[in-house]
Protein backbone atom coordinates (compact mmCIF):
# COMPACT_ATOMS: atom_id res chain seq x y z
CA UNK A 1 -109.14 -107.60 101.38
CA UNK A 2 -107.38 -110.99 101.02
CA UNK A 3 -108.73 -114.29 102.91
CA UNK A 4 -106.62 -117.34 103.35
CA UNK A 5 -108.39 -120.64 102.32
CA UNK A 6 -107.60 -124.32 101.75
CA UNK A 7 -107.17 -125.13 98.14
CA UNK A 8 -109.93 -127.62 98.51
CA UNK A 9 -112.20 -124.87 99.25
CA UNK A 10 -111.43 -122.93 95.86
CA UNK A 11 -114.44 -122.40 93.83
CA UNK A 12 -115.32 -121.08 90.26
CA UNK A 13 -115.51 -117.29 90.25
CA UNK A 14 -112.85 -116.70 93.00
CA UNK A 15 -109.74 -114.36 92.34
CA UNK A 16 -106.59 -116.15 93.81
CA UNK A 17 -103.91 -114.00 94.73
CA UNK A 18 -100.32 -115.45 95.03
CA UNK A 19 -96.57 -115.39 94.92
CA UNK A 20 -94.26 -117.51 93.03
CA UNK A 21 -92.12 -118.96 95.69
CA UNK A 22 -88.79 -118.44 93.59
CA UNK A 23 -89.59 -115.26 91.46
CA UNK A 24 -87.33 -114.43 88.57
CA UNK A 25 -89.25 -111.18 87.62
CA UNK A 26 -91.11 -109.16 90.42
CA UNK A 27 -94.11 -108.19 88.49
CA UNK A 28 -94.88 -111.66 86.80
CA UNK A 29 -94.15 -113.28 90.09
CA UNK A 30 -97.42 -111.95 91.65
CA UNK A 31 -100.70 -112.66 90.12
CA UNK A 32 -104.34 -112.48 90.46
CA UNK A 33 -106.32 -115.00 88.46
CA UNK A 34 -109.93 -115.66 88.55
CA UNK A 35 -111.05 -119.22 88.55
CA UNK A 36 -113.09 -119.66 85.60
CA UNK A 37 -112.76 -123.16 84.55
CA UNK A 38 -112.83 -126.64 86.34
CA UNK A 39 -109.31 -127.43 84.80
CA UNK A 40 -107.97 -124.53 86.79
CA UNK A 41 -109.33 -125.93 89.83
CA UNK A 42 -107.83 -129.27 89.08
CA UNK A 43 -104.36 -127.64 88.43
CA UNK A 44 -104.34 -126.12 92.07
CA UNK A 45 -105.32 -129.36 93.61
CA UNK A 46 -102.79 -131.37 91.86
CA UNK A 47 -99.85 -128.95 93.32
CA UNK A 48 -98.46 -129.33 96.95
CA UNK A 49 -99.92 -125.86 97.73
CA UNK A 50 -102.29 -126.28 100.88
CA UNK A 51 -103.53 -122.67 101.21
CA UNK A 52 -104.14 -119.48 98.77
CA UNK A 53 -105.37 -116.09 99.27
CA UNK A 54 -108.43 -115.03 97.74
CA UNK A 55 -109.58 -111.65 97.06
CA UNK A 56 -113.03 -110.68 98.92
CA UNK A 57 -115.04 -107.59 99.09
CA UNK A 58 -115.63 -106.30 102.87
CA UNK A 59 -118.48 -103.68 102.74
CA UNK A 60 -117.39 -102.38 106.09
CA UNK A 61 -113.99 -101.58 104.78
CA UNK A 62 -115.18 -99.79 101.65
CA UNK A 63 -114.01 -96.19 101.11
CA UNK A 64 -116.74 -93.98 102.34
CA UNK A 65 -115.41 -90.36 101.28
CA UNK A 66 -113.42 -88.89 98.58
CA UNK A 67 -109.70 -88.84 98.61
CA UNK A 68 -109.77 -84.87 98.26
CA UNK A 69 -112.30 -84.68 101.17
CA UNK A 70 -110.23 -86.90 103.40
CA UNK A 71 -106.97 -85.26 102.47
CA UNK A 72 -108.19 -82.22 104.36
CA UNK A 73 -108.47 -84.14 107.67
CA UNK A 74 -105.59 -86.39 107.23
CA UNK A 75 -103.25 -83.27 106.91
CA UNK A 76 -104.32 -82.15 110.38
CA UNK A 77 -103.80 -85.63 111.80
CA UNK A 78 -100.31 -85.91 110.27
CA UNK A 79 -99.10 -82.50 111.83
CA UNK A 80 -100.77 -83.45 115.10
CA UNK A 81 -99.10 -86.88 115.29
CA UNK A 82 -95.64 -85.40 114.65
CA UNK A 83 -96.11 -82.94 117.61
CA UNK A 84 -97.55 -85.63 119.85
CA UNK A 85 -94.75 -88.17 119.27
CA UNK A 86 -92.23 -85.88 119.55
CA UNK A 87 -93.64 -84.39 122.78
CA UNK A 88 -94.22 -88.06 123.95
CA UNK A 89 -90.74 -89.13 123.36
CA UNK A 90 -89.31 -85.76 124.94
CA UNK A 91 -91.18 -86.42 128.13
CA UNK A 92 -89.87 -90.05 128.25
CA UNK A 93 -86.22 -88.82 127.67
CA UNK A 94 -86.65 -86.21 130.49
CA UNK A 95 -88.03 -88.70 132.93
CA UNK A 96 -91.37 -87.30 133.07
CA UNK A 97 -94.56 -89.21 133.91
CA UNK A 98 -96.19 -90.29 130.80
CA UNK A 99 -99.81 -91.97 130.05
CA UNK A 100 -100.77 -93.98 127.13
CA UNK A 101 -103.91 -92.02 127.20
CA UNK A 102 -102.00 -88.96 125.81
CA UNK A 103 -101.82 -90.84 122.26
CA UNK A 104 -104.92 -92.96 122.36
CA UNK A 105 -107.19 -89.88 120.74
CA UNK A 106 -104.73 -89.55 117.82
CA UNK A 107 -104.56 -93.35 117.33
CA UNK A 108 -108.52 -93.43 117.01
CA UNK A 109 -108.30 -90.50 114.45
CA UNK A 110 -105.76 -92.33 112.39
CA UNK A 111 -107.61 -95.60 112.23
CA UNK A 112 -110.96 -93.62 111.47
CA UNK A 113 -109.19 -91.71 108.61
CA UNK A 114 -107.94 -94.98 107.11
CA UNK A 115 -111.40 -96.70 107.34
CA UNK A 116 -112.97 -93.51 105.47
CA UNK A 117 -110.01 -93.61 102.81
CA UNK A 118 -106.64 -94.84 103.52
CA UNK A 119 -105.17 -93.50 100.41
CA UNK A 120 -105.30 -90.09 102.01
CA UNK A 121 -102.77 -90.68 104.88
CA UNK A 122 -100.92 -93.16 102.74
CA UNK A 123 -100.12 -90.34 100.21
CA UNK A 124 -99.27 -87.70 103.00
CA UNK A 125 -96.78 -89.92 104.62
CA UNK A 126 -94.78 -90.01 101.34
CA UNK A 127 -93.84 -86.13 102.21
CA UNK A 128 -90.90 -86.84 104.23
CA UNK A 129 -88.47 -84.76 106.22
CA UNK A 130 -85.25 -86.80 106.76
CA UNK A 131 -84.60 -84.47 109.84
CA UNK A 132 -87.52 -85.65 111.52
CA UNK A 133 -87.13 -89.34 110.69
CA UNK A 134 -87.64 -90.84 114.11
CA UNK A 135 -90.95 -89.07 114.69
CA UNK A 136 -92.11 -89.51 111.13
CA UNK A 137 -91.30 -93.20 111.07
CA UNK A 138 -93.59 -93.64 114.03
CA UNK A 139 -96.42 -92.30 112.09
CA UNK A 140 -95.58 -94.07 108.77
CA UNK A 141 -95.58 -97.48 110.61
CA UNK A 142 -98.83 -96.84 112.46
CA UNK A 143 -100.52 -95.99 109.19
CA UNK A 144 -98.91 -98.95 107.19
CA UNK A 145 -99.66 -101.39 109.85
CA UNK A 146 -103.14 -100.20 110.30
CA UNK A 147 -103.73 -100.35 106.56
CA UNK A 148 -102.04 -103.99 106.59
CA UNK A 149 -104.46 -105.13 109.37
CA UNK A 150 -107.50 -103.66 107.52
CA UNK A 151 -106.42 -105.82 104.47
CA UNK A 152 -106.58 -108.96 106.80
CA UNK A 153 -110.06 -108.01 107.87
CA UNK A 154 -109.60 -106.91 111.46
CA UNK A 155 -112.18 -104.75 112.96
CA UNK A 156 -112.09 -101.13 114.24
CA UNK A 157 -111.27 -101.87 117.70
CA UNK A 158 -108.34 -104.29 116.56
CA UNK A 159 -107.03 -101.80 114.00
CA UNK A 160 -106.73 -99.36 117.01
CA UNK A 161 -104.14 -101.87 118.56
CA UNK A 162 -102.27 -102.23 115.42
CA UNK A 163 -102.02 -98.51 114.95
CA UNK A 164 -101.13 -97.90 118.69
CA UNK A 165 -98.24 -100.55 118.31
CA UNK A 166 -96.89 -98.80 115.28
CA UNK A 167 -97.02 -95.51 116.95
CA UNK A 168 -95.01 -96.71 120.09
CA UNK A 169 -92.87 -99.26 117.96
CA UNK A 170 -89.61 -97.13 118.49
CA UNK A 171 -90.75 -95.35 121.87
CA UNK A 172 -87.76 -96.78 123.28
CA UNK A 173 -85.48 -94.78 121.23
CA UNK A 174 -86.33 -91.87 123.47
CA UNK A 175 -83.65 -93.27 125.76
CA UNK A 176 -81.25 -93.68 123.28
CA UNK A 177 -78.59 -90.74 123.00
CA UNK A 178 -79.52 -88.27 120.47
CA UNK A 179 -75.88 -88.13 119.08
CA UNK A 180 -76.48 -91.76 117.92
CA UNK A 181 -80.20 -91.25 116.62
CA UNK A 182 -78.89 -88.18 114.60
CA UNK A 183 -75.51 -89.20 113.50
CA UNK A 184 -74.94 -88.11 109.87
CA UNK A 185 -73.29 -91.24 109.10
CA UNK A 186 -73.45 -95.13 109.44
CA UNK A 187 -73.30 -96.33 113.30
CA UNK A 188 -70.16 -98.23 114.50
CA UNK A 189 -70.58 -101.57 116.23
CA UNK A 190 -70.85 -99.85 119.63
CA UNK A 191 -73.41 -97.34 118.40
CA UNK A 192 -75.18 -99.92 116.74
CA UNK A 193 -75.63 -102.05 119.97
CA UNK A 194 -76.52 -98.94 121.83
CA UNK A 195 -79.32 -98.35 119.29
CA UNK A 196 -80.56 -101.87 119.53
CA UNK A 197 -81.22 -101.25 123.19
CA UNK A 198 -84.45 -99.50 122.46
CA UNK A 199 -86.29 -103.01 122.41
CA UNK A 200 -85.03 -103.68 125.81
CA UNK A 201 -86.21 -100.07 127.00
CA UNK A 202 -89.52 -100.89 125.26
CA UNK A 203 -90.10 -103.76 127.61
CA UNK A 204 -89.65 -101.53 130.41
CA UNK A 205 -91.83 -98.92 129.03
CA UNK A 206 -94.62 -101.58 128.38
CA UNK A 207 -94.80 -101.95 132.27
CA UNK A 208 -94.42 -98.35 133.14
CA UNK A 209 -97.37 -97.57 130.68
CA UNK A 210 -99.26 -100.51 131.76
CA UNK A 211 -99.84 -101.72 128.13
CA UNK A 212 -101.84 -104.78 128.18
CA UNK A 213 -102.82 -105.45 124.63
CA UNK A 214 -100.96 -108.48 123.32
CA UNK A 215 -100.96 -107.12 119.76
CA UNK A 216 -99.18 -103.83 120.82
CA UNK A 217 -96.66 -105.61 123.00
CA UNK A 218 -95.86 -108.07 120.13
CA UNK A 219 -95.31 -105.15 117.96
CA UNK A 220 -93.17 -103.13 120.31
CA UNK A 221 -91.04 -106.29 121.01
CA UNK A 222 -90.71 -108.39 117.99
CA UNK A 223 -90.31 -105.92 114.90
CA UNK A 224 -86.54 -106.69 114.75
CA UNK A 225 -86.81 -110.32 115.14
CA UNK A 226 -86.48 -112.61 111.83
CA UNK A 227 -87.69 -115.98 110.85
CA UNK A 228 -84.26 -117.59 110.90
CA UNK A 229 -83.47 -116.32 114.49
CA UNK A 230 -80.85 -113.70 113.21
CA UNK A 231 -82.88 -111.04 114.58
CA UNK A 232 -82.84 -109.18 118.15
CA UNK A 233 -83.25 -109.09 120.99
CA UNK A 234 -84.36 -112.37 121.77
CA UNK A 235 -83.21 -114.29 118.28
CA UNK A 236 -86.86 -115.79 118.13
CA UNK A 237 -87.15 -118.21 115.08
CA UNK A 238 -90.53 -118.45 113.01
CA UNK A 239 -92.32 -120.65 115.40
CA UNK A 240 -92.03 -118.38 118.34
CA UNK A 241 -93.16 -115.24 116.38
CA UNK A 242 -96.66 -113.76 116.37
CA UNK A 243 -98.23 -112.36 113.16
CA UNK A 244 -98.52 -108.91 114.56
CA UNK A 245 -94.75 -109.16 115.25
CA UNK A 246 -94.08 -110.32 111.63
CA UNK A 247 -96.15 -107.84 110.15
CA UNK A 248 -94.44 -105.10 112.05
CA UNK A 249 -91.16 -106.44 110.97
CA UNK A 250 -92.16 -106.04 107.43
CA UNK A 251 -93.59 -102.53 107.82
CA UNK A 252 -90.61 -101.28 109.94
CA UNK A 253 -88.05 -102.63 107.42
CA UNK A 254 -90.04 -101.24 104.41
CA UNK A 255 -90.23 -97.70 105.71
CA UNK A 256 -86.67 -97.63 106.84
CA UNK A 257 -85.58 -98.75 103.34
CA UNK A 258 -87.99 -96.44 101.60
CA UNK A 259 -86.81 -93.24 103.60
CA UNK A 260 -83.91 -90.85 102.70
CA UNK A 261 -81.48 -90.85 105.80
CA UNK A 262 -78.40 -88.46 106.22
CA UNK A 263 -75.96 -91.36 105.24
CA UNK A 264 -78.20 -93.12 102.59
CA UNK A 265 -80.54 -92.59 99.83
CA UNK A 266 -84.07 -94.11 99.82
CA UNK A 267 -84.45 -97.54 97.78
CA UNK A 268 -87.29 -97.36 95.26
CA UNK A 269 -90.38 -99.18 96.79
CA UNK A 270 -90.66 -101.87 94.29
CA UNK A 271 -87.19 -102.95 94.84
CA UNK A 272 -87.75 -103.27 98.49
CA UNK A 273 -90.69 -105.53 97.96
CA UNK A 274 -88.70 -107.63 95.49
CA UNK A 275 -85.88 -107.92 98.09
CA UNK A 276 -88.41 -109.23 100.74
CA UNK A 277 -89.35 -112.01 98.17
CA UNK A 278 -85.86 -113.11 97.99
CA UNK A 279 -85.27 -113.06 101.84
CA UNK A 280 -87.47 -115.97 102.66
CA UNK A 281 -85.20 -116.78 105.65
CA UNK A 282 -86.05 -113.48 107.20
CA UNK A 283 -89.55 -112.67 106.28
CA UNK A 284 -92.64 -114.97 105.56
CA UNK A 285 -93.49 -114.77 101.87
CA UNK A 286 -97.29 -115.46 102.63
CA UNK A 287 -97.35 -112.42 104.82
CA UNK A 288 -95.20 -110.26 102.29
CA UNK A 289 -97.64 -111.36 99.74
CA UNK A 290 -100.58 -109.86 101.70
CA UNK A 291 -98.60 -106.46 102.19
CA UNK A 292 -97.77 -106.29 98.74
CA UNK A 293 -101.59 -106.64 97.68
CA UNK A 294 -102.17 -104.05 100.53
CA UNK A 295 -99.87 -101.34 99.10
CA UNK A 296 -99.56 -102.54 95.47
CA UNK A 297 -96.36 -103.58 93.34
CA UNK A 298 -96.20 -99.88 92.59
CA UNK A 299 -96.91 -98.21 96.00
CA UNK A 300 -98.24 -94.48 96.11
CA UNK A 301 -95.51 -92.05 94.90
CA UNK A 302 -93.73 -94.66 92.64
CA UNK A 303 -92.43 -92.79 89.55
CA UNK A 304 -93.12 -95.07 86.49
CA UNK A 305 -92.52 -94.83 82.77
CA UNK A 306 -95.26 -95.78 80.38
CA UNK A 307 -95.32 -97.68 77.07
CA UNK A 308 -96.18 -94.39 75.23
CA UNK A 309 -93.06 -92.56 76.49
CA UNK A 310 -94.65 -90.67 79.17
CA UNK A 311 -93.81 -90.64 83.03
CA UNK A 312 -96.17 -90.71 85.62
CA UNK A 313 -96.90 -90.85 89.54
CA UNK A 314 -98.87 -93.55 91.27
CA UNK A 315 -101.61 -91.85 93.35
CA UNK A 316 -103.68 -94.81 94.23
CA UNK A 317 -104.38 -98.65 93.99
CA UNK A 318 -107.55 -99.90 92.21
CA UNK A 319 -109.59 -103.18 92.18
CA UNK A 320 -108.14 -103.85 88.57
CA UNK A 321 -105.12 -105.71 90.09
CA UNK A 322 -101.65 -105.00 90.98
CA UNK A 323 -100.37 -104.01 87.61
CA UNK A 324 -103.12 -101.36 87.31
CA UNK A 325 -102.95 -98.52 89.70
CA UNK A 326 -104.26 -95.05 89.39
CA UNK A 327 -101.49 -92.70 87.86
CA UNK A 328 -101.03 -89.06 87.24
CA UNK A 329 -99.23 -88.47 84.08
CA UNK A 330 -96.91 -85.43 84.38
CA UNK A 331 -94.00 -85.65 82.02
CA UNK A 332 -93.34 -86.52 78.34
CA UNK A 333 -89.87 -88.20 78.41
CA UNK A 334 -89.45 -88.03 74.48
CA UNK A 335 -90.13 -84.40 74.15
CA UNK A 336 -88.45 -83.79 77.54
CA UNK A 337 -91.39 -81.34 78.70
CA UNK A 338 -93.88 -81.17 81.37
CA UNK A 339 -97.57 -81.75 80.52
CA UNK A 340 -100.79 -80.83 82.07
CA UNK A 341 -101.44 -83.54 84.78
CA UNK A 342 -103.80 -86.10 83.58
CA UNK A 343 -105.13 -88.77 86.09
CA UNK A 344 -106.08 -92.17 84.60
CA UNK A 345 -106.66 -95.82 85.77
CA UNK A 346 -104.58 -98.24 84.17
CA UNK A 347 -106.23 -101.32 82.76
CA UNK A 348 -105.32 -104.18 80.15
CA UNK A 349 -106.92 -102.77 77.37
CA UNK A 350 -104.69 -102.12 74.16
CA UNK A 351 -105.64 -98.50 73.97
CA UNK A 352 -104.23 -97.61 77.43
CA UNK A 353 -100.60 -97.27 78.22
CA UNK A 354 -98.79 -99.65 80.41
CA UNK A 355 -96.09 -99.38 82.93
CA UNK A 356 -93.04 -100.52 81.63
CA UNK A 357 -90.34 -99.58 84.32
CA UNK A 358 -89.65 -97.63 87.23
CA UNK A 359 -87.76 -94.12 87.05
CA UNK A 360 -85.63 -92.24 89.38
CA UNK A 361 -87.31 -88.67 89.39
CA UNK A 362 -83.96 -87.13 90.44
CA UNK A 363 -82.58 -88.06 87.17
CA UNK A 364 -85.14 -86.40 85.60
CA UNK A 365 -85.03 -83.36 87.91
CA UNK A 366 -88.54 -83.86 88.77
CA UNK A 367 -90.10 -82.95 92.05
CA UNK A 368 -92.78 -85.58 92.18
CA UNK A 369 -94.01 -84.64 95.77
CA UNK A 370 -95.41 -81.36 94.47
CA UNK A 371 -97.53 -83.30 91.90
CA UNK A 372 -98.48 -85.91 94.73
CA UNK A 373 -100.95 -83.39 96.60
CA UNK A 374 -101.45 -80.58 94.05
CA UNK A 375 -103.81 -81.24 91.44
């Protein structure tokens, strides 16, 4: 996890994780450096930087079970989640009485799975069905927000609130006409205005469901607000936005861009993260920085090319740093043939291949999702 500290508190041995304010190259703009010399401390102190994020190990957030073991439970959680959010939204659409207690047990299951091994659900939410976007988006935002909050060191009770907020983030869409939600093309101005009403509907549902968690309320009402006041519904600016609301805005935007829709193809994850950094007027770079360190420069399911000509799927992050995820090598781009999958942990050693780019699996005719779960 990351911890924000004043530059004056930096000490030898600490690992600093930061972002260049005006990155020219994405990968080189994020760095993790270990403070090993007094001269490095003096360099930081001479800059106008007041705070930095350092990497710390939090024993209560270490993985306690293997990925394969947790995947079994996570598959059930994902299946149940889609059914519950679909049923919950349908009941709201039909005007039936609903209770927050209906989703509370599931939220607890999601949080506990993430505490045991977050990579299980992070892997499964990459298996997407664009025809169920609204329901799957609720699950993905709840998982991503919980992992995000975990990175910031929140305890289990607090993680439940972030997870609940993500789960209910778009619940107001239950009152938006299905013809708009399922339209197979871009919305026109009138339809877009109608879709944006889901936030105002969220306000009403907060009262009806007697939601009293400040975190949940902030997530449900602020995830479309932006730092420069260009968001909606209240045109809040940076000084009026909560941390939870800004985290939700990043996660909501990230998943929307990373998902195939009927009218658009998904944007590669690393491109989305890069775009965040260039849109400082919309998203706080220091918070984006934490999100990137949370899911990696190359998030799970990224399809990457290696320095040896092989192609691989990112299957997890490591303590080695942002540039060195766990990968599954599946294809030889030189010989243009599949190879028996090989899992390796990248590192800076010269004898280990390095990531040199990101590929489009469709161009290669490769169904990467079939390699993501099956080993």
